[in-house]
Amino acid sequence: MMKILIVEDEQRLADLHRDYLHQSGYATEWLADGLSVVDWTKQHSPALILLDLMLPGKDGLEICKEIRHFSDVPIIMVTARVEEIDRLLGLELGADDYICKPFSPREVVARVKTVLRRSAPQAQQELQLLTLDEESYQAILQGLKLDLTAVEYKLLSILAQKPGRIYSRDQLMDRLYSDQRIVCDRTIDSHIKKLRKKIAVIAPELDLIHSIYSVGYKYEQP
């Protein structure tokens, strides 16, 4: 059974989430404050985290930011804040979806199923039009080899493994340059530009990598 981590300080609401998720075939774990979430996630690797924004000890945005340093586990934020800046900030920090209060438990289950389906590795490395070979750093698009540098390959792989998910420039730099070298955030823009040109040589009709204004980039499968 897939295990869902529920991070919610209201026990009544947490119990409601647990009941509906259990009925849908998921196992659950409940944490009532933000202080233990990161360590618990490292130890147990949940399939998805249902993360309240306002928590005692540490808020959901900070937790999401810390988790994204070591894991791509899907995160759905539960929030009473509906302002656009909060939504954009959450996406930039790596949240996969939002649920705004008030909501129905059935909506929560539906969002969990959707995010898990969207986040599932699509036959691991094969992404329909695109095939990625991690060992040889080769990308095959529509049966033709893309002539990519190692950095361009890694950038494409990061984006393509999570179609629809928005990555900020900082998140992409953290994943591309694990040695923490100092690079300009516009370096990502340069790599994206070159990657798009190489994709266009093979498939000019495809718009695979999308820019999200003031936030970052995402991969969209046509």
C-alpha atoms as a PDB file:
ATOM      1  CA  MET A   1       0.000   0.000   0.000  1.00  0.00           C
ATOM      2  CA  MET A   2       1.190   3.518  -0.788  1.00  0.00           C
ATOM      3  CA  LYS A   3       1.812   5.495   2.401  1.00  0.00           C
ATOM      4  CA  ILE A   4       0.559   9.081   2.636  1.00  0.00           C
ATOM      5  CA  LEU A   5       2.078  11.346   5.277  1.00  0.00           C
ATOM      6  CA  ILE A   6      -0.546  13.708   6.722  1.00  0.00           C
ATOM      7  CA  VAL A   7       0.934  16.778   8.403  1.00  0.00           C
ATOM      8  CA  GLU A   8      -1.949  18.529  10.151  1.00  0.00           C
ATOM      9  CA  ASP A   9      -2.236  20.061  13.635  1.00  0.00           C
ATOM     10  CA  GLU A  10      -6.032  19.658  13.829  1.00  0.00           C
ATOM     11  CA  GLN A  11      -6.690  16.063  14.880  1.00  0.00           C
ATOM     12  CA  ARG A  12     -10.313  16.113  13.705  1.00  0.00           C
ATOM     13  CA  LEU A  13      -9.257  17.116  10.212  1.00  0.00           C
ATOM     14  CA  ALA A  14      -6.342  14.665  10.196  1.00  0.00           C
ATOM     15  CA  ASP A  15      -8.682  11.816  11.243  1.00  0.00           C
ATOM     16  CA  LEU A  16     -11.053  12.751   8.425  1.00  0.00           C
ATOM     17  CA  HIS A  17      -8.194  12.617   5.887  1.00  0.00           C
ATOM     18  CA  ARG A  18      -7.056   9.259   7.260  1.00  0.00           C
ATOM     19  CA  ASP A  19     -10.524   7.698   7.097  1.00  0.00           C
ATOM     20  CA  TYR A  20     -11.108   8.682   3.473  1.00  0.00           C
ATOM     21  CA  LEU A  21      -7.592   7.745   2.353  1.00  0.00           C
ATOM     22  CA  HIS A  22      -7.869   4.346   4.077  1.00  0.00           C
ATOM     23  CA  GLN A  23     -11.156   3.733   2.282  1.00  0.00           C
ATOM     24  CA  SER A  24      -9.357   4.428  -1.004  1.00  0.00           C
ATOM     25  CA  GLY A  25      -6.636   1.876  -0.242  1.00  0.00           C
ATOM     26  CA  TYR A  26      -3.852   4.090   1.091  1.00  0.00           C
ATOM     27  CA  ALA A  27      -1.868   3.665   4.291  1.00  0.00           C
ATOM     28  CA  THR A  28      -1.309   6.844   6.310  1.00  0.00           C
ATOM     29  CA  GLU A  29       0.937   8.343   8.952  1.00  0.00           C
ATOM     30  CA  TRP A  30       0.031  11.481  10.930  1.00  0.00           C
ATOM     31  CA  LEU A  31       2.337  14.189  12.297  1.00  0.00           C
ATOM     32  CA  ALA A  32       0.817  17.077  14.243  1.00  0.00           C
ATOM     33  CA  ASP A  33       3.657  19.610  14.048  1.00  0.00           C
ATOM     34  CA  GLY A  34       6.313  20.704  11.597  1.00  0.00           C
ATOM     35  CA  LEU A  35       9.458  19.928  13.539  1.00  0.00           C
ATOM     36  CA  SER A  36       9.705  16.185  12.832  1.00  0.00           C
ATOM     37  CA  VAL A  37       8.506  16.131   9.214  1.00  0.00           C
ATOM     38  CA  VAL A  38      11.876  16.378   7.446  1.00  0.00           C
ATOM     39  CA  ASP A  39      13.569  13.661   9.516  1.00  0.00           C
ATOM     40  CA  TRP A  40      10.525  11.384   9.237  1.00  0.00           C
ATOM     41  CA  THR A  41      10.480  11.813   5.453  1.00  0.00           C
ATOM     42  CA  LYS A  42      14.169  10.928   5.200  1.00  0.00           C
ATOM     43  CA  GLN A  43      13.631   7.742   7.206  1.00  0.00           C
ATOM     44  CA  HIS A  44      10.356   6.498   5.711  1.00  0.00           C
ATOM     45  CA  SER A  45      10.105   7.832   2.109  1.00  0.00           C
ATOM     46  CA  PRO A  46       6.310   8.347   1.849  1.00  0.00           C
ATOM     47  CA  ALA A  47       4.584   8.163  -1.533  1.00  0.00           C
ATOM     48  CA  LEU A  48       3.064  11.623  -0.998  1.00  0.00           C
ATOM     49  CA  ILE A  49       2.901  14.319   1.695  1.00  0.00           C
ATOM     50  CA  LEU A  50      -0.333  16.143   2.517  1.00  0.00           C
ATOM     51  CA  LEU A  51       1.163  19.231   4.131  1.00  0.00           C
ATOM     52  CA  ASP A  52      -0.727  21.914   6.046  1.00  0.00           C
ATOM     53  CA  LEU A  53       0.737  25.385   5.571  1.00  0.00           C
ATOM     54  CA  MET A  54       0.222  26.733   9.105  1.00  0.00           C
ATOM     55  CA  LEU A  55       1.874  24.386  11.600  1.00  0.00           C
ATOM     56  CA  PRO A  56       3.372  24.690  15.079  1.00  0.00           C
ATOM     57  CA  GLY A  57       7.148  24.542  15.177  1.00  0.00           C
ATOM     58  CA  LYS A  58       7.858  25.044  11.478  1.00  0.00           C
ATOM     59  CA  ASP A  59       5.551  26.170   8.662  1.00  0.00           C
ATOM     60  CA  GLY A  60       4.733  24.200   5.550  1.00  0.00           C
ATOM     61  CA  LEU A  61       6.682  26.423   3.141  1.00  0.00           C
ATOM     62  CA  GLU A  62       9.906  25.963   5.100  1.00  0.00           C
ATOM     63  CA  ILE A  63       9.307  22.208   5.333  1.00  0.00           C
ATOM     64  CA  CYS A  64       8.677  22.000   1.577  1.00  0.00           C
ATOM     65  CA  LYS A  65      11.874  23.928   0.862  1.00  0.00           C
ATOM     66  CA  GLU A  66      13.955  21.614   3.082  1.00  0.00           C
ATOM     67  CA  ILE A  67      12.465  18.425   1.614  1.00  0.00           C
ATOM     68  CA  ARG A  68      13.195  19.577  -1.928  1.00  0.00           C
ATOM     69  CA  HIS A  69      16.912  19.589  -1.115  1.00  0.00           C
ATOM     70  CA  PHE A  70      16.881  15.771  -0.941  1.00  0.00           C
ATOM     71  CA  SER A  71      13.596  14.405  -2.331  1.00  0.00           C
ATOM     72  CA  ASP A  72      11.093  14.807  -5.172  1.00  0.00           C
ATOM     73  CA  VAL A  73       8.275  13.217  -3.142  1.00  0.00           C
ATOM     74  CA  PRO A  74       4.950  14.723  -4.297  1.00  0.00           C
ATOM     75  CA  ILE A  75       3.697  17.409  -1.910  1.00  0.00           C
ATOM     76  CA  ILE A  76       0.138  18.739  -1.754  1.00  0.00           C
ATOM     77  CA  MET A  77      -0.178  21.843   0.375  1.00  0.00           C
ATOM     78  CA  VAL A  78      -3.335  22.410   2.397  1.00  0.00           C
ATOM     79  CA  THR A  79      -3.875  26.095   3.059  1.00  0.00           C
ATOM     80  CA  ALA A  80      -6.387  28.752   4.017  1.00  0.00           C
ATOM     81  CA  ARG A  81      -4.240  31.331   2.206  1.00  0.00           C
ATOM     82  CA  VAL A  82      -5.692  31.898  -1.235  1.00  0.00           C
ATOM     83  CA  GLU A  83      -3.555  34.869  -2.286  1.00  0.00           C
ATOM     84  CA  GLU A  84      -1.694  34.333  -5.565  1.00  0.00           C
ATOM     85  CA  ILE A  85       1.701  35.172  -4.017  1.00  0.00           C
ATOM     86  CA  ASP A  86       1.375  32.243  -1.601  1.00  0.00           C
ATOM     87  CA  ARG A  87       0.514  29.870  -4.423  1.00  0.00           C
ATOM     88  CA  LEU A  88       3.446  31.043  -6.550  1.00  0.00           C
ATOM     89  CA  LEU A  89       5.831  30.850  -3.603  1.00  0.00           C
ATOM     90  CA  GLY A  90       4.717  27.311  -2.859  1.00  0.00           C
ATOM     91  CA  LEU A  91       5.214  26.265  -6.466  1.00  0.00           C
ATOM     92  CA  GLU A  92       8.642  27.858  -6.568  1.00  0.00           C
ATOM     93  CA  LEU A  93       9.601  25.912  -3.446  1.00  0.00           C
ATOM     94  CA  GLY A  94       8.430  22.688  -5.051  1.00  0.00           C
ATOM     95  CA  ALA A  95       4.805  21.998  -4.099  1.00  0.00           C
ATOM     96  CA  ASP A  96       3.000  19.822  -6.668  1.00  0.00           C
ATOM     97  CA  ASP A  97      -0.538  21.006  -5.927  1.00  0.00           C
ATOM     98  CA  TYR A  98      -2.717  23.077  -3.593  1.00  0.00           C
ATOM     99  CA  ILE A  99      -5.979  22.490  -1.773  1.00  0.00           C
ATOM    100  CA  CYS A 100      -7.572  25.610  -0.298  1.00  0.00           C
ATOM    101  CA  LYS A 101      -9.796  25.399   2.765  1.00  0.00           C
ATOM    102  CA  PRO A 102     -12.669  24.713   3.050  1.00  0.00           C
ATOM    103  CA  PHE A 103     -12.712  21.516   0.972  1.00  0.00           C
ATOM    104  CA  SER A 104     -14.341  18.098   0.971  1.00  0.00           C
ATOM    105  CA  PRO A 105     -12.459  14.908   1.923  1.00  0.00           C
ATOM    106  CA  ARG A 106     -13.399  13.477  -1.472  1.00  0.00           C
ATOM    107  CA  GLU A 107     -11.577  16.363  -3.153  1.00  0.00           C
ATOM    108  CA  VAL A 108      -8.476  15.543  -1.101  1.00  0.00           C
ATOM    109  CA  VAL A 109      -8.560  11.904  -2.231  1.00  0.00           C
ATOM    110  CA  ALA A 110      -9.101  12.970  -5.857  1.00  0.00           C
ATOM    111  CA  ARG A 111      -6.135  15.365  -5.717  1.00  0.00           C
ATOM    112  CA  VAL A 112      -3.941  12.691  -4.117  1.00  0.00           C
ATOM    113  CA  LYS A 113      -4.780  10.215  -6.880  1.00  0.00           C
ATOM    114  CA  THR A 114      -4.161  12.811  -9.599  1.00  0.00           C
ATOM    115  CA  VAL A 115      -0.788  13.929  -8.234  1.00  0.00           C
ATOM    116  CA  LEU A 116       0.380  10.347  -7.674  1.00  0.00           C
ATOM    117  CA  ARG A 117      -0.627   9.405 -11.210  1.00  0.00           C
ATOM    118  CA  ARG A 118       1.101  12.480 -12.640  1.00  0.00           C
ATOM    119  CA  SER A 119       4.228  11.922 -10.553  1.00  0.00           C
ATOM    120  CA  ALA A 120       4.590   8.215 -11.260  1.00  0.00           C
ATOM    121  CA  PRO A 121       7.680   7.367 -13.349  1.00  0.00           C
ATOM    122  CA  GLN A 122       6.325   6.686 -16.801  1.00  0.00           C
ATOM    123  CA  ALA A 123       7.781   3.249 -17.445  1.00  0.00           C
ATOM    124  CA  GLN A 124      10.749   4.595 -15.443  1.00  0.00           C
ATOM    125  CA  GLN A 125      12.766   6.285 -18.184  1.00  0.00           C
ATOM    126  CA  GLU A 126      10.530   6.031 -21.218  1.00  0.00           C
ATOM    127  CA  LEU A 127       8.397   9.125 -21.634  1.00  0.00           C
ATOM    128  CA  GLN A 128       6.468   8.268 -24.829  1.00  0.00           C
ATOM    129  CA  LEU A 129       8.109  10.630 -27.333  1.00  0.00           C
ATOM    130  CA  LEU A 130      11.263  10.862 -25.281  1.00  0.00           C
ATOM    131  CA  THR A 131      13.563   8.069 -24.090  1.00  0.00           C
ATOM    132  CA  LEU A 132      16.330   8.789 -21.591  1.00  0.00           C
ATOM    133  CA  ASP A 133      19.323   6.556 -20.946  1.00  0.00           C
ATOM    134  CA  GLU A 134      20.940   7.551 -17.645  1.00  0.00           C
ATOM    135  CA  GLU A 135      24.027   5.363 -18.140  1.00  0.00           C
ATOM    136  CA  SER A 136      25.016   6.781 -21.521  1.00  0.00           C
ATOM    137  CA  TYR A 137      23.487  10.245 -21.056  1.00  0.00           C
ATOM    138  CA  GLN A 138      21.622   9.792 -24.325  1.00  0.00           C
ATOM    139  CA  ALA A 139      18.228  11.270 -25.127  1.00  0.00           C
ATOM    140  CA  ILE A 140      16.192   9.863 -28.016  1.00  0.00           C
ATOM    141  CA  LEU A 141      13.381  12.049 -29.351  1.00  0.00           C
ATOM    142  CA  GLN A 142      10.994  10.549 -31.901  1.00  0.00           C
ATOM    143  CA  GLY A 143      13.592   7.855 -32.595  1.00  0.00           C
ATOM    144  CA  LEU A 144      16.428  10.305 -33.246  1.00  0.00           C
ATOM    145  CA  LYS A 145      19.356  11.058 -30.947  1.00  0.00           C
ATOM    146  CA  LEU A 146      19.573  14.521 -29.424  1.00  0.00           C
ATOM    147  CA  ASP A 147      23.153  15.784 -29.439  1.00  0.00           C
ATOM    148  CA  LEU A 148      23.268  17.054 -25.852  1.00  0.00           C
ATOM    149  CA  THR A 149      26.009  18.005 -23.448  1.00  0.00           C
ATOM    150  CA  ALA A 150      25.998  16.297 -20.048  1.00  0.00           C
ATOM    151  CA  VAL A 151      24.450  19.370 -18.424  1.00  0.00           C
ATOM    152  CA  GLU A 152      21.774  19.683 -21.119  1.00  0.00           C
ATOM    153  CA  TYR A 153      20.932  15.992 -20.756  1.00  0.00           C
ATOM    154  CA  LYS A 154      20.624  16.278 -16.984  1.00  0.00           C
ATOM    155  CA  LEU A 155      18.465  19.394 -17.293  1.00  0.00           C
ATOM    156  CA  LEU A 156      16.118  17.679 -19.737  1.00  0.00           C
ATOM    157  CA  SER A 157      15.971  14.587 -17.524  1.00  0.00           C
ATOM    158  CA  ILE A 158      15.047  16.616 -14.418  1.00  0.00           C
ATOM    159  CA  LEU A 159      12.209  18.379 -16.236  1.00  0.00           C
ATOM    160  CA  ALA A 160      10.913  15.353 -18.160  1.00  0.00           C
ATOM    161  CA  GLN A 161      10.741  13.041 -15.142  1.00  0.00           C
ATOM    162  CA  LYS A 162       8.033  15.276 -13.637  1.00  0.00           C
ATOM    163  CA  PRO A 163       5.829  16.527 -16.504  1.00  0.00           C
ATOM    164  CA  GLY A 164       3.814  19.563 -15.468  1.00  0.00           C
ATOM    165  CA  ARG A 165       5.859  20.343 -12.380  1.00  0.00           C
ATOM    166  CA  ILE A 166       7.354  23.837 -12.254  1.00  0.00           C
ATOM    167  CA  TYR A 167      11.008  24.181 -11.271  1.00  0.00           C
ATOM    168  CA  SER A 168      12.532  27.503 -10.295  1.00  0.00           C
ATOM    169  CA  ARG A 169      15.990  28.416 -11.578  1.00  0.00           C
ATOM    170  CA  ASP A 170      17.415  27.894  -8.092  1.00  0.00           C
ATOM    171  CA  GLN A 171      15.960  24.394  -7.882  1.00  0.00           C
ATOM    172  CA  LEU A 172      17.415  23.485 -11.262  1.00  0.00           C
ATOM    173  CA  MET A 173      20.828  24.884 -10.324  1.00  0.00           C
ATOM    174  CA  ASP A 174      20.806  22.873  -7.083  1.00  0.00           C
ATOM    175  CA  ARG A 175      20.170  19.670  -9.050  1.00  0.00           C
ATOM    176  CA  LEU A 176      22.575  20.426 -11.883  1.00  0.00           C
ATOM    177  CA  TYR A 177      25.486  21.604  -9.765  1.00  0.00           C
ATOM    178  CA  SER A 178      25.584  19.429  -6.659  1.00  0.00           C
ATOM    179  CA  ASP A 179      29.140  20.649  -5.916  1.00  0.00           C
ATOM    180  CA  GLN A 180      27.612  24.032  -4.979  1.00  0.00           C
ATOM    181  CA  ARG A 181      29.761  25.928  -7.482  1.00  0.00           C
ATOM    182  CA  ILE A 182      28.804  29.566  -7.935  1.00  0.00           C
ATOM    183  CA  VAL A 183      26.891  30.100 -11.172  1.00  0.00           C
ATOM    184  CA  CYS A 184      24.570  32.840 -12.376  1.00  0.00           C
ATOM    185  CA  ASP A 185      20.879  31.928 -12.396  1.00  0.00           C
ATOM    186  CA  ARG A 186      20.774  33.058 -16.029  1.00  0.00           C
ATOM    187  CA  THR A 187      23.009  30.080 -16.805  1.00  0.00           C
ATOM    188  CA  ILE A 188      19.824  27.999 -16.654  1.00  0.00           C
ATOM    189  CA  ASP A 189      18.189  30.278 -19.252  1.00  0.00           C
ATOM    190  CA  SER A 190      21.177  29.737 -21.539  1.00  0.00           C
ATOM    191  CA  HIS A 191      20.989  25.943 -21.192  1.00  0.00           C
ATOM    192  CA  ILE A 192      17.225  25.996 -21.803  1.00  0.00           C
ATOM    193  CA  LYS A 193      17.696  28.094 -24.950  1.00  0.00           C
ATOM    194  CA  LYS A 194      20.259  25.646 -26.356  1.00  0.00           C
ATOM    195  CA  LEU A 195      18.111  22.659 -25.398  1.00  0.00           C
ATOM    196  CA  ARG A 196      15.079  24.105 -27.176  1.00  0.00           C
ATOM    197  CA  LYS A 197      17.138  24.726 -30.333  1.00  0.00           C
ATOM    198  CA  LYS A 198      18.353  21.121 -30.397  1.00  0.00           C
ATOM    199  CA  ILE A 199      14.818  19.793 -29.859  1.00  0.00           C
ATOM    200  CA  ALA A 200      13.560  22.041 -32.664  1.00  0.00           C
ATOM    201  CA  VAL A 201      16.070  20.525 -35.107  1.00  0.00           C
ATOM    202  CA  ILE A 202      14.382  17.131 -34.699  1.00  0.00           C
ATOM    203  CA  ALA A 203      10.799  18.141 -33.908  1.00  0.00           C
ATOM    204  CA  PRO A 204      10.077  21.826 -34.638  1.00  0.00           C
ATOM    205  CA  GLU A 205       6.370  21.239 -34.050  1.00  0.00           C
ATOM    206  CA  LEU A 206       6.911  20.240 -30.404  1.00  0.00           C
ATOM    207  CA  ASP A 207       6.863  22.757 -27.562  1.00  0.00           C
ATOM    208  CA  LEU A 208       8.147  20.596 -24.726  1.00  0.00           C
ATOM    209  CA  ILE A 209       9.781  23.095 -22.358  1.00  0.00           C
ATOM    210  CA  HIS A 210       7.614  25.956 -21.150  1.00  0.00           C
ATOM    211  CA  SER A 211       8.667  29.168 -19.409  1.00  0.00           C
ATOM    212  CA  ILE A 212       6.575  30.231 -16.404  1.00  0.00           C
ATOM    213  CA  TYR A 213       6.975  33.976 -16.053  1.00  0.00           C
ATOM    214  CA  SER A 214       8.901  35.012 -12.909  1.00  0.00           C
ATOM    215  CA  VAL A 215       8.865  31.426 -11.611  1.00  0.00           C
ATOM    216  CA  GLY A 216      10.827  29.002 -13.776  1.00  0.00           C
ATOM    217  CA  TYR A 217      10.339  26.157 -16.256  1.00  0.00           C
ATOM    218  CA  LYS A 218       8.311  22.993 -16.774  1.00  0.00           C
ATOM    219  CA  TYR A 219       8.166  20.096 -19.233  1.00  0.00           C
ATOM    220  CA  GLU A 220       4.822  19.377 -20.904  1.00  0.00           C
ATOM    221  CA  GLN A 221       4.181  16.224 -22.871  1.00  0.00           C
ATOM    222  CA  PRO A 222       2.040  17.025 -25.941  1.00  0.00           C
END
